[in-house]
Amino acid sequence: EEYNRRYHLVKDSMAKLSPFWDASCREFLSGEENGVWSPVNLYLSLAMLAEISAGDTRQEILDTLGAESMEELRTTVRALWETVTTTFPEATRRLAASVWLDDSLQYHEEAIAALGNAHYASVYRTNLSSPESGEAIGKWITQQTKGMLSPKPQPEANGTRVLELVSTLYLDENWLETFDPADNREGLFHAPGGDYTCTYMNKHQMHGDYCWGDSFGAVSM
């Protein structure tokens, strides 16, 4: 019974995310560059921002995320964490979130506690104007991504930065059936900006699922 309750909770919450996924991907991947984009991290960061906002600002964020209330948003955040974060022999997906507060100011402790309890965020207090704070944030990101990212955030010398919201996603997944590098072939990739030579992985299969579209084809592997 508990399994069914959690299953439907996660399923219903994930369905509400589709409009945000679509809108944010169209916004951030509209250029010609081959970019990397994680709508999960933007959603979680905006959810944290909503938690420490109020009035019209909070409502605008809720509208953007497609949530009717903070209670609904917290439920979706919880479901998102439970869905994305997983560890199997063939896959590791790990979310992490942190909040960095300037130690020269006072904050509403109830709101800060909610960031940890409802958004699974680690909370740090430091001098955000110091070089050490940038080093600490960069080190945290490097640790959470297992060295894949090593940024060097620069502090604001004028002391205008009072809050940092940081969200990371570590992803390490393998093919269930690996490709043989000996079968790799060079070929043309047809992109909107022109044709590019790239390396294609190849595999021979006797059966599988294939999808036909108006201007594309796709295979399920």
Protein backbone atom coordinates (compact mmCIF):
# COMPACT_ATOMS: atom_id res chain seq x y z
CA GLU A 1 0.00 0.00 0.00
CA GLU A 2 2.83 2.41 0.87
CA TYR A 3 4.60 1.50 -2.37
CA ASN A 4 1.49 2.25 -4.42
CA ARG A 5 0.99 5.57 -2.63
CA ARG A 6 4.56 6.67 -3.33
CA TYR A 7 4.38 5.40 -6.91
CA HIS A 8 1.30 7.46 -7.73
CA LEU A 9 2.70 10.46 -5.86
CA VAL A 10 5.85 10.43 -7.96
CA LYS A 11 3.92 9.75 -11.19
CA ASP A 12 1.48 12.62 -10.62
CA SER A 13 4.27 15.01 -9.64
CA MET A 14 6.38 14.17 -12.69
CA ALA A 15 3.42 14.80 -15.00
CA LYS A 16 3.20 18.38 -13.73
CA LEU A 17 6.80 19.05 -14.74
CA SER A 18 6.37 18.52 -18.49
CA PRO A 19 5.32 22.13 -19.32
CA PHE A 20 8.35 23.51 -17.44
CA TRP A 21 10.71 21.04 -19.12
CA ASP A 22 9.39 22.04 -22.54
CA ALA A 23 9.44 25.81 -21.96
CA SER A 24 12.88 25.92 -20.32
CA CYS A 25 14.52 23.71 -22.94
CA ARG A 26 13.13 25.85 -25.73
CA GLU A 27 14.45 28.96 -23.98
CA PHE A 28 17.95 27.77 -23.13
CA LEU A 29 18.60 25.53 -26.15
CA SER A 30 17.30 27.92 -28.80
CA GLY A 31 20.75 28.90 -30.05
CA GLU A 32 22.97 27.15 -32.57
CA GLU A 33 25.51 25.93 -30.03
CA ASN A 34 25.48 22.31 -28.94
CA GLY A 35 24.83 23.06 -25.27
CA VAL A 36 24.26 20.96 -22.18
CA TRP A 37 21.17 21.81 -20.18
CA SER A 38 19.68 20.35 -17.00
CA PRO A 39 16.10 21.56 -16.38
CA VAL A 40 16.10 19.55 -13.14
CA ASN A 41 18.68 21.84 -11.58
CA LEU A 42 16.89 25.01 -12.64
CA TYR A 43 13.62 23.70 -11.25
CA LEU A 44 15.19 22.84 -7.90
CA SER A 45 17.00 26.17 -7.68
CA LEU A 46 13.83 28.14 -8.43
CA ALA A 47 11.97 26.02 -5.89
CA MET A 48 14.53 27.00 -3.25
CA LEU A 49 14.18 30.64 -4.29
CA ALA A 50 10.40 30.39 -3.90
CA GLU A 51 10.89 29.02 -0.39
CA ILE A 52 12.70 32.17 0.72
CA SER A 53 10.53 34.61 -1.24
CA ALA A 54 7.12 36.10 -0.59
CA GLY A 55 4.29 38.03 -2.21
CA ASP A 56 4.32 38.65 -5.96
CA THR A 57 7.85 37.28 -6.33
CA ARG A 58 6.90 33.90 -4.87
CA GLN A 59 3.72 33.77 -6.95
CA GLU A 60 5.62 34.46 -10.17
CA ILE A 61 8.01 31.61 -9.39
CA LEU A 62 5.13 29.26 -8.54
CA ASP A 63 3.44 30.15 -11.84
CA THR A 64 6.66 29.50 -13.73
CA LEU A 65 7.07 26.10 -12.09
CA GLY A 66 3.41 25.19 -12.57
CA ALA A 67 2.68 24.83 -8.85
CA GLU A 68 -0.47 26.12 -7.18
CA SER A 69 1.02 26.38 -3.69
CA MET A 70 4.22 25.93 -1.72
CA GLU A 71 2.86 22.68 -0.31
CA GLU A 72 2.40 21.32 -3.82
CA LEU A 73 5.84 22.55 -4.83
CA ARG A 74 7.51 20.85 -1.86
CA THR A 75 5.75 17.60 -2.75
CA THR A 76 7.02 17.85 -6.33
CA VAL A 77 10.54 18.61 -5.16
CA ARG A 78 10.50 15.57 -2.89
CA ALA A 79 9.24 13.37 -5.72
CA LEU A 80 11.89 14.76 -8.05
CA TRP A 81 14.68 13.95 -5.63
CA GLU A 82 13.36 10.43 -5.08
CA THR A 83 13.01 9.84 -8.83
CA VAL A 84 16.34 11.23 -10.01
CA THR A 85 18.68 10.15 -7.21
CA THR A 86 19.51 6.47 -7.60
CA THR A 87 22.46 4.11 -7.57
CA PHE A 88 22.65 0.85 -9.51
CA PRO A 89 25.60 -1.12 -10.87
CA GLU A 90 24.97 0.36 -14.33
CA ALA A 91 23.86 3.85 -13.29
CA THR A 92 24.50 6.56 -10.72
CA ARG A 93 22.42 9.73 -10.55
CA ARG A 94 22.98 12.05 -7.62
CA LEU A 95 21.44 15.43 -6.91
CA ALA A 96 22.93 17.91 -4.48
CA ALA A 97 21.89 21.39 -3.36
CA SER A 98 23.47 24.02 -1.18
CA VAL A 99 22.71 27.50 0.11
CA TRP A 100 25.51 29.93 0.89
CA LEU A 101 24.62 32.86 3.16
CA ASP A 102 26.70 35.94 3.85
CA ASP A 103 27.54 35.88 7.56
CA SER A 104 27.16 39.65 7.95
CA LEU A 105 23.36 39.47 7.79
CA GLN A 106 20.56 37.94 9.81
CA TYR A 107 18.08 35.58 8.18
CA HIS A 108 14.69 34.12 9.00
CA GLU A 109 15.77 30.84 10.53
CA GLU A 110 12.43 29.18 9.75
CA ALA A 111 12.94 29.76 6.03
CA ILE A 112 16.55 28.57 6.19
CA ALA A 113 15.45 25.41 8.01
CA ALA A 114 12.85 24.77 5.28
CA LEU A 115 15.61 24.77 2.66
CA GLY A 116 17.25 21.88 4.46
CA ASN A 117 14.11 19.96 5.39
CA ALA A 118 12.03 20.36 2.22
CA HIS A 119 14.75 20.89 -0.39
CA TYR A 120 17.57 18.72 1.01
CA ALA A 121 19.96 21.66 0.82
CA SER A 122 23.13 22.03 2.86
CA VAL A 123 23.36 25.50 4.41
CA TYR A 124 26.68 27.34 4.81
CA ARG A 125 27.42 30.74 6.32
CA THR A 126 30.49 32.57 5.12
CA ASN A 127 31.83 35.92 3.98
CA LEU A 128 30.66 35.93 0.36
CA SER A 129 32.95 38.89 -0.38
CA SER A 130 36.09 36.90 0.42
CA PRO A 131 38.15 34.81 -2.01
CA GLU A 132 37.81 31.90 0.41
CA SER A 133 34.06 31.75 -0.19
CA GLY A 134 34.55 31.32 -3.93
CA GLU A 135 37.07 28.58 -3.29
CA ALA A 136 34.68 26.83 -0.89
CA ILE A 137 31.76 26.94 -3.36
CA GLY A 138 33.99 25.69 -6.17
CA LYS A 139 35.30 22.86 -3.99
CA TRP A 140 31.75 21.86 -3.04
CA ILE A 141 30.74 21.68 -6.72
CA THR A 142 33.84 19.65 -7.55
CA GLN A 143 33.10 17.18 -4.75
CA GLN A 144 29.45 16.75 -5.73
CA THR A 145 30.31 16.15 -9.40
CA LYS A 146 33.27 13.87 -8.61
CA GLY A 147 35.69 16.20 -10.34
CA MET A 148 33.69 16.64 -13.56
CA LEU A 149 33.25 20.35 -12.82
CA SER A 150 35.91 22.56 -11.23
CA PRO A 151 34.59 26.13 -11.34
CA LYS A 152 36.31 29.06 -9.68
CA PRO A 153 33.52 31.43 -8.58
CA GLN A 154 34.69 34.99 -8.06
CA PRO A 155 33.41 36.89 -4.99
CA GLU A 156 31.80 40.30 -5.26
CA ALA A 157 34.32 42.77 -3.89
CA ASN A 158 31.65 45.39 -3.18
CA GLY A 159 29.75 43.10 -0.84
CA THR A 160 26.50 43.05 -2.83
CA ARG A 161 26.25 39.27 -2.93
CA VAL A 162 24.35 37.98 0.08
CA LEU A 163 23.07 34.62 -1.14
CA GLU A 164 24.19 31.77 -3.40
CA LEU A 165 21.90 28.91 -4.45
CA VAL A 166 23.81 26.01 -6.01
CA SER A 167 22.36 22.83 -7.50
CA THR A 168 24.32 19.99 -9.11
CA LEU A 169 23.53 16.73 -10.85
CA TYR A 170 26.10 13.94 -11.15
CA LEU A 171 25.23 11.45 -13.90
CA ASP A 172 27.15 8.28 -14.72
CA GLU A 173 25.21 5.76 -16.79
CA ASN A 174 26.38 2.95 -19.04
CA TRP A 175 24.78 1.16 -21.95
CA LEU A 176 23.10 -2.08 -20.90
CA GLU A 177 24.81 -3.59 -23.93
CA THR A 178 28.10 -1.89 -24.69
CA PHE A 179 29.36 -0.82 -28.12
CA ASP A 180 32.60 -2.22 -29.53
CA PRO A 181 35.02 0.66 -30.28
CA ALA A 182 36.31 -1.37 -33.21
CA ASP A 183 32.96 -0.83 -34.93
CA ASN A 184 33.15 2.99 -34.70
CA ARG A 185 32.89 4.79 -38.02
CA GLU A 186 33.39 8.36 -39.16
CA GLY A 187 30.40 9.97 -40.85
CA LEU A 188 28.47 13.17 -41.51
CA PHE A 189 26.10 14.64 -38.94
CA HIS A 190 23.45 16.89 -40.50
CA ALA A 191 22.84 19.86 -38.18
CA PRO A 192 20.90 23.11 -38.73
CA GLY A 193 24.20 24.94 -39.04
CA GLY A 194 25.66 22.54 -41.60
CA ASP A 195 27.24 19.11 -41.86
CA TYR A 196 29.89 17.94 -39.40
CA THR A 197 32.17 14.94 -39.38
CA CYS A 198 31.83 12.92 -36.19
CA THR A 199 32.33 9.42 -34.83
CA TYR A 200 29.33 7.08 -34.92
CA MET A 201 28.99 4.05 -32.68
CA ASN A 202 27.68 0.98 -34.50
CA LYS A 203 26.01 -2.24 -33.50
CA HIS A 204 24.28 -4.99 -35.47
CA GLN A 205 20.95 -6.15 -34.06
CA MET A 206 18.44 -8.58 -35.47
CA HIS A 207 15.41 -6.90 -33.92
CA GLY A 208 14.42 -3.69 -32.11
CA ASP A 209 11.96 -0.80 -31.99
CA TYR A 210 12.05 1.93 -34.62
CA CYS A 211 9.97 5.12 -34.73
CA TRP A 212 9.13 7.01 -37.93
CA GLY A 213 8.46 10.76 -37.79
CA ASP A 214 7.63 13.34 -40.43
CA SER A 215 11.27 14.36 -40.78
CA PHE A 216 13.23 11.98 -38.56
CA GLY A 217 13.70 8.41 -37.48
CA ALA A 218 14.60 7.07 -34.03
CA VAL A 219 15.64 3.72 -32.67
CA SER A 220 15.13 2.35 -29.16
CA MET A 221 18.19 0.71 -27.63
